[in-house]
Amino acid sequence: MPLPPSGNTPWPPPQLEIPHADMDMWRAWYSGNTDHLAAVYGGPANYRANSTARAFFEVEQRRNAGQNELRMFWGQEPTPGQQAAKLHIPIAADIAELSANLLWSEVPQVTVDVDSTDAATALTTQAQIGRYLDDRGHAKMREGAELTSGLSNVYLRVVWDTTLRPRPWLDVIQPDAVIPEWRWGTLAAATVWRELAPLKDASEVWRLLEYHVPGAIEYGVYKGGATGLGMRMDFTDHPDSEFLAKMKGVDSEGRQATGIDRLLITHLPNVLPNRVWEGIGGTAPLGRSDFAGVEPLMDALDESWTSWMRDLRLGKARIILPQSMLETDGPGTGGSFDLEQEVRVALNMLDEGGKDSISQIQFNIRVDEHEKTCKALRLQILSSAGYSAQGFGEAGTIAATATEVVARKEESLTTRGTKLLYQRPALLEVLTTMMMVDVTHCGAKGVDPAAELTASWPQAVQPDPEAIARTLSLLDTAGAISTFMKVKMRNPEWDDAEVTEEVERIREDKRSAMPAGDPFNMSGGQDPNAQQDGEGDTPEAGADEGQDETDGAGDEPGLKAA
């Protein structure tokens, strides 16, 4: 749909209310903001107060068997008069960070298919792709992967401004800032929106909308309320949108032709299918957060950790003593008791047995019970999210071989492989769009946007070089491997051309180190064809081969006939 006209249009659209509410809940866990968590689960901003969302929670069995609201630790109000002491363990942020590190700790190898363009253009195109994936591009893709893990999906937008950078670059947009339109499960159009800074009247909400379709972008500025889009205004009515009135290529209607017959926005889901929003239209292509379904477990982990710290506070020693033992400086000055004074001369006590008048209270600290509970919850959270405990230090840091590390991290590596199924197509689509923008608007030369691209990620666990060397040595001794395959096993990320070049270099090194005509270097550096002193006096070994066995018959054994 194009940008909406002026009027009381609900914003964001009501059909995305429940997905955006869940994304807000996951953002609270991801950020670790305890005020946000309290607001999500029990505060005035609690989205369960919404009738539509409440019905959704009931359908999805987010209430317990007694039809009462699901009890959440963060939804409980603090005891009046007592200091708030709830603690949060940022395991959600740890999961999102681990996911991004597994996917983008290193830059994948992107290659151009030489059959899709000529050889020279393939080289220059691949070099330009390497510039797109420099430190900035690498960091942006990793940022998108971390947000995707927590919020279920993100959008990657290609932008350009030659006054800032000579090449296009990526912008990561959070999922609740985009209103997508799908066609056959593929993003066909998208409206990107954000709130602008408030002006004089704080009750007015200004929004800037961008409607993206293949080949064009339409901009619009609206002034409305908290839940309505309101009236469409001129770009010059707000200082944050004035630049659009001067932007090259934007007409009086706010439309801009991109010159590229494709969307400048790419959707990046975390994993699919989506288990959370079944039955809600337009949400099937959205991804599934790593936190989906484990929110109660993370809540229980925070409750257990808070209880542990509460035991520590209550475990402090307290001394109960009678009022008569307190020292006072006079009426109205209060009383004090010196805990360091070892001997008292006299105590004014009401009872005769003063030994029982002072008592100590110190509660037990249930360390083992709390530690086992927290560890069990942590392991269950990681397993439900698809990660191995080894990645979080649960199994220690003892040195291990690559095979042992792979076995320990099998669950995490499986999740990594699944997520690459969604990361790879999005990366290649983004790079193709960047090449189109680079050629059209940034004047790039020698770049072919129509070239076919492939991407391969490095191994998450690198093999042990010593183990590879032993394997290659055994295979070489058995004569069961060629030099080409030895180089290929040593560098599996190389293509055939690189392996062939390395094989030629190895052979050249061997030829240069070996004297001609003396493959075993038996001459010690001398000319092997030169006659040595005394040469010919003694027959060479095997010189008598082929002689008649009867020659020399009767001679002593081991002697030849004169």
Protein backbone atom coordinates (compact mmCIF):
# COMPACT_ATOMS: atom_id res chain seq x y z
CA MET A 1 0.00 0.00 0.00
CA PRO A 2 1.22 3.58 -0.63
CA LEU A 3 1.61 6.05 2.20
CA PRO A 4 -1.72 6.62 3.96
CA PRO A 5 -3.58 9.92 3.45
CA SER A 6 -4.21 12.44 6.19
CA GLY A 7 -6.64 11.30 8.82
CA ASN A 8 -6.94 9.30 12.00
CA THR A 9 -5.09 6.23 10.70
CA PRO A 10 -4.12 3.89 13.55
CA TRP A 11 -0.36 3.60 13.88
CA PRO A 12 1.33 1.18 14.03
CA PRO A 13 -1.20 -0.90 12.10
CA PRO A 14 -3.38 -3.03 14.46
CA GLN A 15 -2.52 -6.31 12.73
CA LEU A 16 1.05 -6.00 14.01
CA GLU A 17 0.10 -5.16 17.58
CA ILE A 18 0.74 -8.64 18.98
CA PRO A 19 4.05 -9.25 17.13
CA HIS A 20 5.31 -5.84 18.20
CA ALA A 21 4.25 -6.55 21.80
CA ASP A 22 6.23 -9.80 21.78
CA MET A 23 9.22 -8.02 20.24
CA ASP A 24 9.00 -5.45 23.02
CA MET A 25 9.01 -8.27 25.58
CA TRP A 26 12.09 -9.86 23.96
CA ARG A 27 13.77 -6.46 23.83
CA ALA A 28 13.27 -6.14 27.59
CA TRP A 29 15.03 -9.47 28.16
CA TYR A 30 17.76 -8.63 25.65
CA SER A 31 18.50 -5.20 27.12
CA GLY A 32 18.29 -6.42 30.73
CA ASN A 33 16.45 -3.25 31.76
CA THR A 34 14.67 -4.24 34.97
CA ASP A 35 12.23 -1.32 34.74
CA HIS A 36 11.29 -2.47 31.24
CA LEU A 37 10.80 -6.04 32.46
CA ALA A 38 8.59 -4.85 35.31
CA ALA A 39 6.54 -2.75 32.89
CA VAL A 40 6.14 -5.63 30.43
CA TYR A 41 4.93 -8.13 33.00
CA GLY A 42 3.05 -6.03 35.50
CA GLY A 43 3.31 -2.28 35.08
CA PRO A 44 0.81 0.15 33.60
CA ALA A 45 2.34 -0.44 30.17
CA ASN A 46 1.62 -4.15 30.43
CA TYR A 47 0.33 -5.20 27.00
CA ARG A 48 -1.81 -7.90 28.57
CA ALA A 49 -4.20 -5.11 29.49
CA ASN A 50 -5.04 -4.95 25.78
CA SER A 51 -8.13 -7.07 25.07
CA THR A 52 -6.79 -8.41 21.76
CA ALA A 53 -3.46 -9.36 23.27
CA ARG A 54 -5.18 -10.89 26.30
CA ALA A 55 -7.29 -13.14 24.07
CA PHE A 56 -4.17 -14.13 22.18
CA PHE A 57 -2.42 -15.12 25.38
CA GLU A 58 -5.40 -17.26 26.38
CA VAL A 59 -5.48 -19.02 23.01
CA GLU A 60 -1.76 -19.67 23.14
CA GLN A 61 -2.09 -21.14 26.62
CA ARG A 62 -0.03 -18.45 28.24
CA ARG A 63 -2.18 -18.89 31.33
CA ASN A 64 -1.95 -21.77 33.74
CA ALA A 65 -4.47 -24.56 34.19
CA GLY A 66 -6.49 -22.58 36.74
CA GLN A 67 -7.22 -19.87 34.17
CA ASN A 68 -5.40 -17.37 36.33
CA GLU A 69 -2.78 -15.08 34.88
CA LEU A 70 0.65 -16.67 34.53
CA ARG A 71 2.69 -15.86 37.61
CA MET A 72 5.88 -14.05 36.69
CA PHE A 73 8.54 -12.91 39.13
CA TRP A 74 8.99 -9.60 37.32
CA GLY A 75 5.24 -8.98 37.40
CA GLN A 76 5.05 -8.90 41.20
CA GLU A 77 4.89 -5.51 42.83
CA PRO A 78 7.52 -4.83 45.52
CA THR A 79 6.47 -4.99 49.15
CA PRO A 80 5.45 -1.50 50.38
CA GLY A 81 8.15 0.08 52.50
CA GLN A 82 10.78 -2.44 51.44
CA GLN A 83 13.69 -1.66 49.19
CA ALA A 84 13.46 -3.25 45.75
CA ALA A 85 16.05 -6.03 45.57
CA LYS A 86 15.23 -7.95 42.38
CA LEU A 87 18.29 -9.01 40.39
CA HIS A 88 18.61 -9.90 36.72
CA ILE A 89 21.03 -12.33 35.08
CA PRO A 90 21.62 -11.20 31.47
CA ILE A 91 21.47 -14.67 29.97
CA ALA A 92 19.32 -13.40 27.08
CA ALA A 93 22.02 -10.92 26.06
CA ASP A 94 24.62 -13.70 26.38
CA ILE A 95 22.62 -15.92 24.03
CA ALA A 96 22.26 -13.16 21.42
CA GLU A 97 25.97 -12.34 21.63
CA LEU A 98 26.96 -15.99 21.26
CA SER A 99 24.71 -16.34 18.22
CA ALA A 100 26.33 -13.34 16.53
CA ASN A 101 29.83 -14.57 17.36
CA LEU A 102 29.13 -18.02 15.94
CA LEU A 103 27.93 -16.48 12.66
CA TRP A 104 30.12 -13.40 12.22
CA SER A 105 33.30 -13.82 14.24
CA GLU A 106 35.01 -13.96 10.82
CA VAL A 107 34.05 -12.60 7.41
CA PRO A 108 32.71 -15.25 5.02
CA GLN A 109 34.44 -15.81 1.70
CA VAL A 110 32.31 -14.33 -1.10
CA THR A 111 33.36 -15.33 -4.59
CA VAL A 112 32.16 -14.40 -8.07
CA ASP A 113 31.18 -17.21 -10.41
CA VAL A 114 33.59 -16.84 -13.35
CA ASP A 115 31.00 -18.40 -15.66
CA SER A 116 28.60 -15.49 -15.03
CA THR A 117 30.97 -12.74 -16.22
CA ASP A 118 34.39 -12.32 -17.81
CA ALA A 119 37.55 -13.07 -15.85
CA ALA A 120 38.76 -9.48 -15.51
CA THR A 121 35.38 -8.20 -14.32
CA ALA A 122 35.10 -11.10 -11.90
CA LEU A 123 38.35 -10.02 -10.25
CA THR A 124 37.37 -6.35 -9.94
CA THR A 125 33.86 -7.24 -8.78
CA GLN A 126 35.19 -9.52 -6.07
CA ALA A 127 37.65 -6.83 -4.96
CA GLN A 128 34.78 -4.35 -4.59
CA ILE A 129 32.74 -6.87 -2.61
CA GLY A 130 35.70 -7.13 -0.25
CA ARG A 131 35.43 -3.37 0.30
CA TYR A 132 31.73 -3.69 1.10
CA LEU A 133 32.61 -6.27 3.76
CA ASP A 134 35.33 -4.20 5.37
CA ASP A 135 35.32 -3.65 9.13
CA ARG A 136 32.23 -1.41 8.88
CA GLY A 137 30.29 -3.87 6.76
CA HIS A 138 31.40 -6.81 8.89
CA ALA A 139 30.33 -4.99 12.07
CA LYS A 140 26.92 -4.14 10.60
CA MET A 141 26.20 -7.74 9.64
CA ARG A 142 27.24 -8.90 13.10
CA GLU A 143 25.00 -6.24 14.65
CA GLY A 144 22.11 -7.47 12.57
CA ALA A 145 22.77 -11.09 13.59
CA GLU A 146 22.75 -10.21 17.31
CA LEU A 147 19.50 -8.24 17.05
CA THR A 148 17.96 -11.00 14.95
CA SER A 149 18.71 -13.56 17.65
CA GLY A 150 16.83 -11.54 20.24
CA LEU A 151 14.07 -9.81 18.26
CA SER A 152 13.34 -12.61 15.75
CA ASN A 153 14.22 -10.58 12.61
CA VAL A 154 15.72 -7.35 11.30
CA TYR A 155 15.85 -5.45 8.01
CA LEU A 156 19.00 -4.42 6.12
CA ARG A 157 18.74 -1.19 4.13
CA VAL A 158 21.28 -0.09 1.50
CA VAL A 159 21.98 3.65 1.68
CA TRP A 160 24.40 5.96 -0.08
CA ASP A 161 25.68 9.53 0.21
CA THR A 162 28.81 10.32 -1.79
CA THR A 163 29.47 13.38 0.38
CA LEU A 164 30.02 11.02 3.33
CA ARG A 165 31.45 7.84 1.77
CA PRO A 166 32.47 6.88 -1.76
CA ARG A 167 30.57 3.58 -1.62
CA PRO A 168 27.11 2.50 -0.40
CA TRP A 169 26.80 0.99 3.06
CA LEU A 170 24.34 -0.92 5.23
CA ASP A 171 21.84 0.32 7.78
CA VAL A 172 20.26 -2.11 10.26
CA ILE A 173 16.57 -1.43 11.02
CA GLN A 174 14.83 -3.03 13.99
CA PRO A 175 11.75 -5.10 13.11
CA ASP A 176 9.09 -2.97 14.83
CA ALA A 177 10.19 0.03 12.75
CA VAL A 178 9.11 -1.63 9.47
CA ILE A 179 5.64 -2.44 8.16
CA PRO A 180 6.28 -5.23 5.64
CA GLU A 181 4.20 -6.34 2.67
CA TRP A 182 4.65 -9.95 1.57
CA ARG A 183 4.05 -11.70 -1.71
CA TRP A 184 4.49 -15.47 -1.79
CA GLY A 185 6.48 -15.23 1.41
CA THR A 186 8.91 -12.68 -0.06
CA LEU A 187 9.21 -9.03 0.89
CA ALA A 188 7.52 -7.05 -1.89
CA ALA A 189 7.29 -3.58 -0.27
CA ALA A 190 8.05 -2.03 3.10
CA THR A 191 7.23 1.11 5.06
CA VAL A 192 10.05 2.29 7.33
CA TRP A 193 9.01 4.74 10.03
CA ARG A 194 10.43 6.56 13.04
CA GLU A 195 9.31 9.20 15.47
CA LEU A 196 10.85 12.65 15.16
CA ALA A 197 11.81 14.94 18.00
CA PRO A 198 8.77 16.60 19.65
CA LEU A 199 8.18 20.29 19.02
CA LYS A 200 6.33 22.79 21.23
CA ASP A 201 3.29 20.65 22.00
CA ALA A 202 4.52 17.45 23.69
CA SER A 203 1.19 15.70 23.03
CA GLU A 204 1.83 15.86 19.27
CA VAL A 205 3.78 12.98 17.75
CA TRP A 206 5.71 13.60 14.52
CA ARG A 207 6.57 10.63 12.33
CA LEU A 208 8.65 10.22 9.18
CA LEU A 209 7.57 7.39 6.84
CA GLU A 210 9.45 5.87 3.89
CA TYR A 211 7.52 3.63 1.55
CA HIS A 212 9.90 1.38 -0.43
CA VAL A 213 8.93 -0.39 -3.63
CA PRO A 214 11.21 -1.67 -6.41
CA GLY A 215 12.54 1.36 -8.20
CA ALA A 216 11.14 4.11 -5.95
CA ILE A 217 10.82 5.53 -2.43
CA GLU A 218 8.03 7.79 -1.19
CA TYR A 219 8.57 10.00 1.87
CA GLY A 220 5.93 11.49 4.14
CA VAL A 221 5.87 13.53 7.38
CA TYR A 222 2.84 13.20 9.68
CA LYS A 223 1.71 15.03 12.81
CA GLY A 224 -0.64 13.04 15.00
CA GLY A 225 -1.06 11.47 18.42
CA ALA A 226 0.23 8.49 20.34
CA THR A 227 -1.99 6.01 18.48
CA GLY A 228 -2.92 7.88 15.28
CA LEU A 229 -0.88 8.94 12.28
CA GLY A 230 -2.64 12.30 11.87
CA MET A 231 -2.18 14.89 9.16
CA ARG A 232 0.42 14.78 6.42
CA MET A 233 2.67 17.83 6.64
CA ASP A 234 5.31 19.52 4.50
CA PHE A 235 8.93 18.49 4.91
CA THR A 236 9.84 22.00 6.03
CA ASP A 237 7.37 21.87 8.95
CA HIS A 238 9.83 19.87 11.03
CA PRO A 239 13.60 20.50 11.27
CA ASP A 240 14.43 16.78 11.12
CA SER A 241 12.75 16.40 7.71
CA GLU A 242 13.90 19.61 6.04
CA PHE A 243 16.73 17.77 4.28
CA LEU A 244 14.15 15.91 2.18
CA ALA A 245 12.98 19.16 0.61
CA LYS A 246 16.53 19.73 -0.65
CA MET A 247 17.43 16.13 -1.46
CA LYS A 248 18.34 15.55 -5.08
CA GLY A 249 15.79 13.43 -6.93
CA VAL A 250 12.87 13.96 -4.49
CA ASP A 251 9.91 15.64 -6.22
CA SER A 252 7.23 17.83 -4.69
CA GLU A 253 5.13 14.74 -3.86
CA GLY A 254 7.97 13.22 -1.85
CA ARG A 255 8.79 10.53 -4.42
CA GLN A 256 12.31 9.52 -5.39
CA ALA A 257 13.31 7.19 -8.22
CA THR A 258 16.13 4.88 -7.18
CA GLY A 259 17.04 3.74 -10.68
CA ILE A 260 17.22 0.16 -9.38
CA ASP A 261 14.53 -2.35 -10.21
CA ARG A 262 14.57 -3.99 -6.78
CA LEU A 263 13.96 -3.17 -3.13
CA LEU A 264 16.71 -1.44 -1.22
CA ILE A 265 15.59 -3.35 1.89
CA THR A 266 16.36 -7.00 2.64
CA HIS A 267 14.59 -9.03 5.31
CA LEU A 268 16.77 -11.15 7.60
CA PRO A 269 14.86 -13.67 9.79
CA ASN A 270 16.47 -15.54 12.67
CA VAL A 271 15.05 -19.01 12.04
CA LEU A 272 11.78 -20.35 10.67
CA PRO A 273 9.07 -21.55 10.99
CA ASN A 274 7.43 -19.15 13.36
CA ARG A 275 5.78 -20.97 16.27
CA VAL A 276 4.61 -17.89 18.13
CA TRP A 277 2.16 -16.01 15.90
CA GLU A 278 0.27 -18.86 14.27
CA GLY A 279 -3.03 -17.64 12.86
CA ILE A 280 -2.02 -13.96 12.68
CA GLY A 281 -1.91 -12.80 9.07
CA GLY A 282 1.30 -11.42 7.64
CA THR A 283 3.53 -12.87 10.36
CA ALA A 284 4.54 -16.25 8.86
CA PRO A 285 7.73 -14.93 7.14
CA LEU A 286 8.88 -13.23 10.33
CA GLY A 287 11.55 -15.08 12.25
CA ARG A 288 11.50 -16.81 15.62
CA SER A 289 13.46 -15.35 18.50
CA ASP A 290 15.94 -17.49 20.44
CA PHE A 291 14.05 -16.34 23.56
CA ALA A 292 10.65 -17.58 22.37
CA GLY A 293 9.29 -20.09 24.87
CA VAL A 294 12.06 -19.71 27.46
CA GLU A 295 10.84 -16.44 29.00
CA PRO A 296 9.36 -18.23 32.08
CA LEU A 297 12.65 -20.05 32.60
CA MET A 298 14.63 -16.81 32.43
CA ASP A 299 12.14 -15.30 34.88
CA ALA A 300 12.63 -18.27 37.23
CA LEU A 301 16.42 -17.90 36.96
CA ASP A 302 16.17 -14.27 38.06
CA GLU A 303 13.90 -15.30 40.95
CA SER A 304 16.34 -18.02 42.06
CA TRP A 305 19.30 -15.68 41.90
CA THR A 306 17.41 -13.01 43.84
CA SER A 307 16.47 -15.59 46.48
CA TRP A 308 20.12 -16.60 46.79
CA MET A 309 21.17 -13.00 47.37
CA ARG A 310 18.29 -12.62 49.84
CA ASP A 311 19.72 -15.54 51.84
CA LEU A 312 23.04 -13.72 51.96
CA ARG A 313 21.39 -10.61 53.33
CA LEU A 314 19.37 -12.52 55.90
CA GLY A 315 22.41 -14.60 56.83
CA LYS A 316 24.15 -11.64 58.40
CA ALA A 317 24.52 -12.09 62.16
CA ARG A 318 22.07 -10.12 64.33
CA ILE A 319 22.34 -9.57 68.09
CA ILE A 320 19.26 -9.18 70.25
CA LEU A 321 19.84 -7.56 73.65
CA PRO A 322 17.70 -5.79 76.24
CA GLN A 323 17.19 -2.06 76.22
CA SER A 324 18.94 -1.80 79.58
CA MET A 325 22.25 -2.77 77.96
CA LEU A 326 22.29 0.23 75.68
CA GLU A 327 24.37 3.23 76.67
CA THR A 328 22.68 6.60 76.53
CA ASP A 329 23.82 10.20 76.87
CA GLY A 330 20.51 11.32 78.23
CA PRO A 331 16.79 11.42 77.48
CA GLY A 332 15.98 11.74 73.80
CA THR A 333 19.48 10.89 72.59
CA GLY A 334 18.86 7.23 71.75
CA GLY A 335 21.08 4.35 72.77
CA SER A 336 24.20 2.55 71.59
CA PHE A 337 26.05 -0.68 72.25
CA ASP A 338 29.81 -1.12 71.76
CA LEU A 339 30.36 -4.51 70.15
CA GLU A 340 34.14 -4.24 70.55
CA GLN A 341 34.13 -3.76 74.33
CA GLU A 342 35.30 -7.08 75.81
CA VAL A 343 34.72 -6.49 79.54
CA ARG A 344 31.91 -4.64 81.27
CA VAL A 345 32.12 -3.79 84.94
CA ALA A 346 28.38 -3.74 85.61
CA LEU A 347 25.19 -4.34 83.69
CA ASN A 348 21.83 -3.08 84.86
CA MET A 349 19.72 -6.14 84.09
CA LEU A 350 16.24 -7.11 85.17
CA ASP A 351 16.89 -10.85 85.39
CA GLU A 352 19.46 -12.60 87.52
CA GLY A 353 20.76 -14.92 84.81
CA GLY A 354 22.30 -12.34 82.48
CA LYS A 355 23.91 -14.95 80.29
CA ASP A 356 20.66 -15.51 78.39
CA SER A 357 19.85 -11.88 77.88
CA ILE A 358 22.03 -11.54 74.77
CA SER A 359 21.12 -13.80 71.84
CA GLN A 360 22.44 -14.19 68.31
CA ILE A 361 20.40 -14.81 65.16
CA GLN A 362 22.04 -15.98 61.94
CA PHE A 363 20.05 -17.82 59.24
CA ASN A 364 21.53 -20.53 57.08
CA ILE A 365 22.64 -19.61 53.56
CA ARG A 366 21.36 -22.34 51.22
CA VAL A 367 24.28 -22.22 48.83
CA ASP A 368 24.07 -25.74 47.37
CA GLU A 369 20.32 -25.64 46.81
CA HIS A 370 20.44 -22.27 45.05
CA GLU A 371 23.51 -23.14 43.00
CA LYS A 372 22.00 -26.39 41.72
CA THR A 373 18.71 -24.67 40.91
CA CYS A 374 20.38 -21.82 39.03
CA LYS A 375 22.64 -24.21 37.11
CA ALA A 376 19.74 -26.47 36.12
CA LEU A 377 17.69 -23.49 34.91
CA ARG A 378 20.66 -22.09 33.01
CA LEU A 379 21.34 -25.38 31.24
CA GLN A 380 17.67 -25.79 30.31
CA ILE A 381 17.50 -22.25 28.94
CA LEU A 382 20.57 -22.80 26.78
CA SER A 383 19.34 -26.17 25.52
CA SER A 384 15.88 -24.81 24.68
CA ALA A 385 17.47 -21.89 22.82
CA GLY A 386 19.61 -24.33 20.83
CA TYR A 387 23.05 -23.83 22.36
CA SER A 388 25.56 -25.99 24.19
CA ALA A 389 26.69 -25.25 27.71
CA GLN A 390 30.32 -25.40 26.55
CA GLY A 391 29.90 -22.07 24.79
CA PHE A 392 29.05 -20.45 28.13
CA GLY A 393 31.90 -21.95 30.13
CA GLU A 394 29.72 -24.54 31.87
CA ALA A 395 32.09 -27.39 30.97
CA GLY A 396 35.29 -25.59 31.95
CA THR A 397 38.22 -24.42 29.85
CA ILE A 398 40.37 -27.58 29.81
CA ALA A 399 42.44 -27.94 26.64
CA ALA A 400 40.81 -30.27 24.13
CA THR A 401 41.28 -31.40 20.57
CA ALA A 402 39.16 -30.02 17.77
CA THR A 403 37.14 -33.25 17.67
CA GLU A 404 36.37 -32.99 21.39
CA VAL A 405 35.39 -29.33 21.03
CA VAL A 406 33.03 -30.15 18.16
CA ALA A 407 31.42 -32.90 20.26
CA ARG A 408 30.92 -30.54 23.19
CA LYS A 409 29.53 -27.76 21.01
CA GLU A 410 27.47 -29.98 18.73
CA GLU A 411 24.16 -28.33 19.63
CA SER A 412 25.54 -24.82 19.08
CA LEU A 413 27.14 -25.80 15.77
CA THR A 414 23.86 -27.34 14.59
CA THR A 415 22.06 -24.10 15.41
CA ARG A 416 24.78 -22.17 13.59
CA GLY A 417 24.31 -24.29 10.48
CA THR A 418 20.55 -23.71 10.58
CA LYS A 419 20.94 -19.94 10.89
CA LEU A 420 23.38 -19.84 7.98
CA LEU A 421 20.51 -21.03 5.76
CA TYR A 422 18.94 -17.60 6.33
CA GLN A 423 22.10 -15.50 6.65
CA ARG A 424 23.61 -16.58 3.32
CA PRO A 425 20.70 -15.63 0.98
CA ALA A 426 20.24 -12.30 2.78
CA LEU A 427 23.97 -11.51 2.49
CA LEU A 428 24.09 -12.28 -1.23
CA GLU A 429 20.93 -10.26 -1.88
CA VAL A 430 22.33 -7.28 0.03
CA LEU A 431 25.65 -7.43 -1.82
CA THR A 432 23.89 -7.53 -5.19
CA THR A 433 21.81 -4.49 -4.22
CA MET A 434 24.95 -2.66 -3.07
CA MET A 435 26.63 -3.34 -6.42
CA MET A 436 23.61 -1.93 -8.26
CA VAL A 437 23.62 1.20 -6.11
CA ASP A 438 27.39 1.53 -6.45
CA VAL A 439 27.25 1.43 -10.25
CA THR A 440 24.16 3.63 -10.58
CA HIS A 441 24.81 6.33 -7.97
CA CYS A 442 28.48 6.08 -6.92
CA GLY A 443 30.12 5.60 -10.32
CA ALA A 444 31.79 2.25 -9.63
CA LYS A 445 33.79 0.84 -12.55
CA GLY A 446 34.47 -2.78 -13.32
CA VAL A 447 31.60 -4.03 -11.16
CA ASP A 448 29.03 -6.40 -12.64
CA PRO A 449 25.83 -6.49 -10.52
CA ALA A 450 24.53 -9.38 -12.62
CA ALA A 451 27.38 -11.66 -11.57
CA GLU A 452 26.44 -14.77 -9.63
CA LEU A 453 27.80 -14.85 -6.07
CA THR A 454 28.51 -17.63 -3.62
CA ALA A 455 29.40 -17.33 0.06
CA SER A 456 31.12 -19.82 2.34
CA TRP A 457 31.63 -19.41 6.08
CA PRO A 458 34.84 -20.51 7.83
CA GLN A 459 34.67 -23.53 10.09
CA ALA A 460 33.46 -22.62 13.55
CA VAL A 461 36.06 -24.92 15.14
CA GLN A 462 39.42 -24.90 13.40
CA PRO A 463 41.14 -28.32 13.20
CA ASP A 464 44.35 -28.92 15.11
CA PRO A 465 47.33 -28.20 12.78
CA GLU A 466 49.42 -30.88 14.48
CA ALA A 467 46.70 -33.51 13.93
CA ILE A 468 46.43 -32.52 10.26
CA ALA A 469 50.20 -32.78 9.86
CA ARG A 470 50.25 -36.30 11.33
CA THR A 471 47.41 -37.38 9.07
CA LEU A 472 49.13 -36.00 5.97
CA SER A 473 52.41 -37.66 6.96
CA LEU A 474 50.78 -41.06 7.35
CA LEU A 475 48.94 -40.75 4.04
CA ASP A 476 52.12 -39.64 2.27
CA THR A 477 54.10 -42.54 3.74
CA ALA A 478 51.44 -44.96 2.52
CA GLY A 479 51.51 -43.35 -0.92
CA ALA A 480 47.79 -42.72 -0.69
CA ILE A 481 47.65 -38.96 -1.32
CA SER A 482 48.85 -36.52 -3.95
CA THR A 483 50.49 -33.15 -3.37
CA PHE A 484 47.34 -31.45 -4.64
CA MET A 485 45.17 -33.16 -2.04
CA LYS A 486 47.72 -32.50 0.72
CA VAL A 487 47.53 -28.78 0.01
CA LYS A 488 43.73 -29.01 -0.26
CA MET A 489 43.45 -30.69 3.15
CA ARG A 490 45.78 -28.12 4.68
CA ASN A 491 43.81 -25.20 3.23
CA PRO A 492 40.21 -26.34 2.61
CA GLU A 493 39.03 -22.77 2.01
CA TRP A 494 41.23 -22.41 -1.11
CA ASP A 495 39.81 -22.93 -4.57
CA ASP A 496 41.42 -25.25 -7.15
CA ALA A 497 43.41 -22.43 -8.78
CA GLU A 498 45.02 -21.43 -5.49
CA VAL A 499 45.81 -25.05 -4.65
CA THR A 500 47.40 -25.57 -8.09
CA GLU A 501 49.60 -22.50 -7.64
CA GLU A 502 50.78 -23.74 -4.25
CA VAL A 503 51.57 -27.19 -5.71
CA GLU A 504 53.71 -25.56 -8.39
CA ARG A 505 55.55 -23.51 -5.76
CA ILE A 506 56.26 -26.66 -3.74
CA ARG A 507 57.62 -28.45 -6.80
CA GLU A 508 59.74 -25.43 -7.74
CA ASP A 509 61.22 -25.31 -4.25
CA LYS A 510 62.14 -28.99 -4.48
CA ARG A 511 63.75 -28.54 -7.92
CA SER A 512 65.81 -25.56 -6.79
CA ALA A 513 67.09 -27.41 -3.72
CA MET A 514 68.14 -30.55 -5.64
CA PRO A 515 71.31 -30.70 -7.90
CA ALA A 516 70.67 -31.80 -11.47
CA GLY A 517 71.46 -35.45 -12.13
CA ASP A 518 71.83 -36.27 -8.45
CA PRO A 519 68.33 -36.69 -7.03
CA PHE A 520 69.66 -38.04 -3.73
CA ASN A 521 72.61 -35.57 -3.48
CA MET A 522 75.09 -38.42 -3.09
CA SER A 523 77.97 -36.52 -4.69
CA GLY A 524 78.20 -33.99 -1.88
CA GLY A 525 77.96 -31.13 -4.35
CA GLN A 526 80.60 -32.45 -6.84
CA ASP A 527 79.99 -33.11 -10.50
CA PRO A 528 78.50 -36.59 -10.60
CA ASN A 529 79.82 -37.16 -14.16
CA ALA A 530 83.44 -36.41 -13.33
CA GLN A 531 85.80 -39.46 -13.06
CA GLN A 532 87.18 -39.89 -9.53
CA ASP A 533 90.66 -41.10 -8.61
CA GLY A 534 90.94 -44.84 -8.83
CA GLU A 535 87.68 -45.08 -10.69
CA GLY A 536 87.67 -48.24 -12.85
CA ASP A 537 90.10 -50.14 -10.62
CA THR A 538 87.28 -51.78 -8.75
CA PRO A 539 84.35 -53.18 -10.67
CA GLU A 540 81.00 -51.67 -9.86
CA ALA A 541 78.48 -53.78 -8.01
CA GLY A 542 76.68 -56.02 -10.46
CA ALA A 543 79.38 -55.72 -13.13
CA ASP A 544 79.56 -59.47 -13.52
CA GLU A 545 75.85 -59.85 -14.07
CA GLY A 546 75.14 -61.89 -17.18
CA GLN A 547 78.48 -63.71 -17.22
CA ASP A 548 78.61 -67.43 -17.83
CA GLU A 549 78.21 -69.20 -14.53
CA THR A 550 80.97 -71.65 -15.59
CA ASP A 551 83.62 -68.91 -15.81
CA GLY A 552 86.03 -69.26 -12.95
CA ALA A 553 84.77 -72.67 -11.98
CA GLY A 554 87.02 -74.29 -9.42
CA ASP A 555 88.32 -71.00 -8.12
CA GLU A 556 88.09 -70.20 -4.47
CA PRO A 557 84.75 -68.97 -3.39
CA GLY A 558 84.40 -65.24 -3.65
CA LEU A 559 87.38 -64.82 -6.07
CA LYS A 560 87.27 -64.18 -9.79
CA ALA A 561 89.51 -65.86 -12.33
CA ALA A 562 92.65 -63.92 -13.16
